[in-house]
Amino acid sequence: MNAYLQDKAHKQRFFQKGLIAITILVFIFSIFVTRYALSGSRDDLMNGAPGTEDAYRAAKQFVRPTIKSQNVYFPESGFQCAEQPDSVFIVKSYAEAKGQPGSKNITSFEITLKYQGGNIADKRNWRMLQLSEN
């Protein structure tokens, strides 16, 4: 009977030590997961395929340097965008450059962009295939 009680006590200590080890491992794992989840912005973590709004934001970054004015306005809703296969986007819109008081220069443009992967907001992850301005 004494051997039975000693064996039972030994198994109970072994179980308690195993439970403590598993608890510590779960705690450490949860710390790593939490730190990873908080290491980037939500956009970085949920970076999927770009949409038409993303392509338009990228298009503005490519068109702005081609206009010879510092004061350039792009409409927020007056654009058209078509998505082609392989993350190619064709964006049509206009830019309004304000020069001297009362003068406006409107430039219509059509730009073809290819998304190459990575952060959608980074211009380096887009490649301009074609740009035409009127």
C-alpha atoms as a PDB file:
ATOM      1  CA  MET A   1       0.000   0.000   0.000  1.00  0.00           C
ATOM      2  CA  ASN A   2       2.894   2.324   0.835  1.00  0.00           C
ATOM      3  CA  ALA A   3       4.409   1.803  -2.630  1.00  0.00           C
ATOM      4  CA  TYR A   4       1.041   2.602  -4.204  1.00  0.00           C
ATOM      5  CA  LEU A   5       0.785   5.909  -2.328  1.00  0.00           C
ATOM      6  CA  GLN A   6       4.369   6.840  -3.211  1.00  0.00           C
ATOM      7  CA  ASP A   7       3.734   6.059  -6.878  1.00  0.00           C
ATOM      8  CA  LYS A   8       0.533   8.092  -6.832  1.00  0.00           C
ATOM      9  CA  ALA A   9       2.324  11.056  -5.182  1.00  0.00           C
ATOM     10  CA  HIS A  10       5.159  10.776  -7.720  1.00  0.00           C
ATOM     11  CA  LYS A  11       2.680  10.836 -10.645  1.00  0.00           C
ATOM     12  CA  GLN A  12       0.874  13.825  -9.132  1.00  0.00           C
ATOM     13  CA  ARG A  13       4.161  15.817  -8.819  1.00  0.00           C
ATOM     14  CA  PHE A  14       5.090  14.868 -12.391  1.00  0.00           C
ATOM     15  CA  PHE A  15       1.673  16.038 -13.616  1.00  0.00           C
ATOM     16  CA  GLN A  16       1.962  19.337 -11.720  1.00  0.00           C
ATOM     17  CA  LYS A  17       5.435  20.009 -13.138  1.00  0.00           C
ATOM     18  CA  GLY A  18       4.170  19.215 -16.655  1.00  0.00           C
ATOM     19  CA  LEU A  19       1.209  21.530 -16.181  1.00  0.00           C
ATOM     20  CA  ILE A  20       3.483  24.342 -15.023  1.00  0.00           C
ATOM     21  CA  ALA A  21       5.805  23.797 -18.014  1.00  0.00           C
ATOM     22  CA  ILE A  22       2.876  23.865 -20.470  1.00  0.00           C
ATOM     23  CA  THR A  23       1.481  27.026 -18.834  1.00  0.00           C
ATOM     24  CA  ILE A  24       4.858  28.758 -19.143  1.00  0.00           C
ATOM     25  CA  LEU A  25       5.172  27.738 -22.810  1.00  0.00           C
ATOM     26  CA  VAL A  26       1.653  29.018 -23.600  1.00  0.00           C
ATOM     27  CA  PHE A  27       2.466  32.308 -21.858  1.00  0.00           C
ATOM     28  CA  ILE A  28       5.715  32.753 -23.820  1.00  0.00           C
ATOM     29  CA  PHE A  29       3.966  31.851 -27.086  1.00  0.00           C
ATOM     30  CA  SER A  30       1.197  34.390 -26.417  1.00  0.00           C
ATOM     31  CA  ILE A  31       3.806  37.098 -25.782  1.00  0.00           C
ATOM     32  CA  PHE A  32       5.460  36.380 -29.144  1.00  0.00           C
ATOM     33  CA  VAL A  33       2.132  36.361 -30.979  1.00  0.00           C
ATOM     34  CA  THR A  34       1.065  39.628 -29.345  1.00  0.00           C
ATOM     35  CA  ARG A  35       4.371  41.337 -30.151  1.00  0.00           C
ATOM     36  CA  TYR A  36       4.153  40.163 -33.764  1.00  0.00           C
ATOM     37  CA  ALA A  37       0.580  41.377 -34.094  1.00  0.00           C
ATOM     38  CA  LEU A  38       1.477  44.797 -32.691  1.00  0.00           C
ATOM     39  CA  SER A  39       4.722  45.163 -34.657  1.00  0.00           C
ATOM     40  CA  GLY A  40       3.084  46.650 -37.763  1.00  0.00           C
ATOM     41  CA  SER A  41       0.062  48.660 -38.640  1.00  0.00           C
ATOM     42  CA  ARG A  42      -3.178  46.966 -39.523  1.00  0.00           C
ATOM     43  CA  ASP A  43      -2.585  47.725 -43.201  1.00  0.00           C
ATOM     44  CA  ASP A  44       0.772  45.968 -43.081  1.00  0.00           C
ATOM     45  CA  LEU A  45      -0.733  42.871 -41.500  1.00  0.00           C
ATOM     46  CA  MET A  46      -3.791  42.752 -43.726  1.00  0.00           C
ATOM     47  CA  ASN A  47      -1.949  43.591 -46.906  1.00  0.00           C
ATOM     48  CA  GLY A  48      -4.019  41.947 -49.610  1.00  0.00           C
ATOM     49  CA  ALA A  49      -4.564  42.866 -53.215  1.00  0.00           C
ATOM     50  CA  PRO A  50      -4.892  46.583 -53.923  1.00  0.00           C
ATOM     51  CA  GLY A  51      -8.210  48.066 -54.925  1.00  0.00           C
ATOM     52  CA  THR A  52      -9.145  50.904 -57.229  1.00  0.00           C
ATOM     53  CA  GLU A  53      -8.715  53.517 -54.470  1.00  0.00           C
ATOM     54  CA  ASP A  54      -5.179  52.256 -53.822  1.00  0.00           C
ATOM     55  CA  ALA A  55      -4.341  52.419 -57.532  1.00  0.00           C
ATOM     56  CA  TYR A  56      -5.661  55.996 -57.690  1.00  0.00           C
ATOM     57  CA  ARG A  57      -3.500  57.043 -54.722  1.00  0.00           C
ATOM     58  CA  ALA A  58      -0.471  55.506 -56.441  1.00  0.00           C
ATOM     59  CA  ALA A  59      -1.387  57.198 -59.742  1.00  0.00           C
ATOM     60  CA  LYS A  60      -1.405  60.600 -58.037  1.00  0.00           C
ATOM     61  CA  GLN A  61       2.154  59.974 -56.831  1.00  0.00           C
ATOM     62  CA  PHE A  62       3.304  59.326 -60.409  1.00  0.00           C
ATOM     63  CA  VAL A  63       1.363  62.191 -62.041  1.00  0.00           C
ATOM     64  CA  ARG A  64       2.155  64.958 -59.530  1.00  0.00           C
ATOM     65  CA  PRO A  65       5.846  65.374 -60.581  1.00  0.00           C
ATOM     66  CA  THR A  66       4.852  65.736 -64.264  1.00  0.00           C
ATOM     67  CA  ILE A  67       2.749  68.854 -63.613  1.00  0.00           C
ATOM     68  CA  LYS A  68       4.692  72.100 -63.538  1.00  0.00           C
ATOM     69  CA  SER A  69       2.950  73.549 -60.517  1.00  0.00           C
ATOM     70  CA  GLN A  70       3.363  73.179 -56.778  1.00  0.00           C
ATOM     71  CA  ASN A  71      -0.345  73.621 -56.075  1.00  0.00           C
ATOM     72  CA  VAL A  72      -1.974  70.528 -57.628  1.00  0.00           C
ATOM     73  CA  TYR A  73      -5.456  69.302 -56.745  1.00  0.00           C
ATOM     74  CA  PHE A  74      -6.761  65.808 -57.557  1.00  0.00           C
ATOM     75  CA  PRO A  75     -10.497  65.111 -57.206  1.00  0.00           C
ATOM     76  CA  GLU A  76     -11.390  62.532 -54.582  1.00  0.00           C
ATOM     77  CA  SER A  77     -14.280  60.998 -56.499  1.00  0.00           C
ATOM     78  CA  GLY A  78     -13.864  62.038 -60.139  1.00  0.00           C
ATOM     79  CA  PHE A  79     -11.755  59.132 -61.355  1.00  0.00           C
ATOM     80  CA  GLN A  80     -12.269  55.929 -63.286  1.00  0.00           C
ATOM     81  CA  CYS A  81     -10.239  52.822 -62.671  1.00  0.00           C
ATOM     82  CA  ALA A  82     -10.217  49.470 -64.407  1.00  0.00           C
ATOM     83  CA  GLU A  83      -8.424  46.454 -63.014  1.00  0.00           C
ATOM     84  CA  GLN A  84      -6.734  44.101 -65.457  1.00  0.00           C
ATOM     85  CA  PRO A  85      -5.279  40.651 -64.711  1.00  0.00           C
ATOM     86  CA  ASP A  86      -1.916  40.429 -62.918  1.00  0.00           C
ATOM     87  CA  SER A  87      -2.547  43.517 -60.744  1.00  0.00           C
ATOM     88  CA  VAL A  88      -2.523  46.000 -63.623  1.00  0.00           C
ATOM     89  CA  PHE A  89      -4.688  49.091 -63.175  1.00  0.00           C
ATOM     90  CA  ILE A  90      -5.730  51.737 -65.712  1.00  0.00           C
ATOM     91  CA  VAL A  91      -6.660  55.012 -64.018  1.00  0.00           C
ATOM     92  CA  LYS A  92      -8.337  57.947 -65.798  1.00  0.00           C
ATOM     93  CA  SER A  93      -8.788  61.268 -64.064  1.00  0.00           C
ATOM     94  CA  TYR A  94      -7.626  64.870 -64.067  1.00  0.00           C
ATOM     95  CA  ALA A  95      -5.438  67.156 -62.033  1.00  0.00           C
ATOM     96  CA  GLU A  96      -6.101  70.824 -61.465  1.00  0.00           C
ATOM     97  CA  ALA A  97      -3.036  73.036 -61.165  1.00  0.00           C
ATOM     98  CA  LYS A  98      -3.597  76.458 -59.669  1.00  0.00           C
ATOM     99  CA  GLY A  99      -1.107  79.073 -60.731  1.00  0.00           C
ATOM    100  CA  GLN A 100      -1.657  82.765 -60.329  1.00  0.00           C
ATOM    101  CA  PRO A 101      -4.907  83.933 -58.750  1.00  0.00           C
ATOM    102  CA  GLY A 102      -7.823  83.097 -60.986  1.00  0.00           C
ATOM    103  CA  SER A 103      -5.928  80.821 -63.374  1.00  0.00           C
ATOM    104  CA  LYS A 104      -6.431  77.079 -63.474  1.00  0.00           C
ATOM    105  CA  ASN A 105      -4.764  74.525 -65.668  1.00  0.00           C
ATOM    106  CA  ILE A 106      -6.609  71.219 -65.938  1.00  0.00           C
ATOM    107  CA  THR A 107      -4.620  68.189 -67.073  1.00  0.00           C
ATOM    108  CA  SER A 108      -6.455  65.003 -67.972  1.00  0.00           C
ATOM    109  CA  PHE A 109      -4.423  61.843 -67.649  1.00  0.00           C
ATOM    110  CA  GLU A 110      -4.586  58.121 -68.206  1.00  0.00           C
ATOM    111  CA  ILE A 111      -2.004  56.012 -66.430  1.00  0.00           C
ATOM    112  CA  THR A 112      -1.373  52.285 -66.437  1.00  0.00           C
ATOM    113  CA  LEU A 113       0.197  50.903 -63.264  1.00  0.00           C
ATOM    114  CA  LYS A 114       1.325  47.453 -62.205  1.00  0.00           C
ATOM    115  CA  TYR A 115       1.348  46.496 -58.542  1.00  0.00           C
ATOM    116  CA  GLN A 116       4.443  44.430 -57.779  1.00  0.00           C
ATOM    117  CA  GLY A 117       3.663  43.366 -54.212  1.00  0.00           C
ATOM    118  CA  GLY A 118       4.577  44.747 -50.816  1.00  0.00           C
ATOM    119  CA  ASN A 119       3.175  47.771 -49.034  1.00  0.00           C
ATOM    120  CA  ILE A 120       0.373  49.192 -51.182  1.00  0.00           C
ATOM    121  CA  ALA A 121       1.047  52.799 -50.137  1.00  0.00           C
ATOM    122  CA  ASP A 122       4.735  52.672 -51.129  1.00  0.00           C
ATOM    123  CA  LYS A 123       5.382  54.097 -54.600  1.00  0.00           C
ATOM    124  CA  ARG A 124       8.352  51.760 -55.081  1.00  0.00           C
ATOM    125  CA  ASN A 125       5.958  48.792 -55.130  1.00  0.00           C
ATOM    126  CA  TRP A 126       4.186  50.158 -58.208  1.00  0.00           C
ATOM    127  CA  ARG A 127       5.567  50.386 -61.727  1.00  0.00           C
ATOM    128  CA  MET A 128       4.262  52.872 -64.274  1.00  0.00           C
ATOM    129  CA  LEU A 129       3.687  51.129 -67.594  1.00  0.00           C
ATOM    130  CA  GLN A 130       2.210  54.054 -69.514  1.00  0.00           C
ATOM    131  CA  LEU A 131       1.186  57.668 -68.928  1.00  0.00           C
ATOM    132  CA  SER A 132      -0.617  59.981 -71.306  1.00  0.00           C
ATOM    133  CA  GLU A 133      -1.617  63.536 -70.428  1.00  0.00           C
ATOM    134  CA  ASN A 134      -3.754  66.114 -72.240  1.00  0.00           C
END
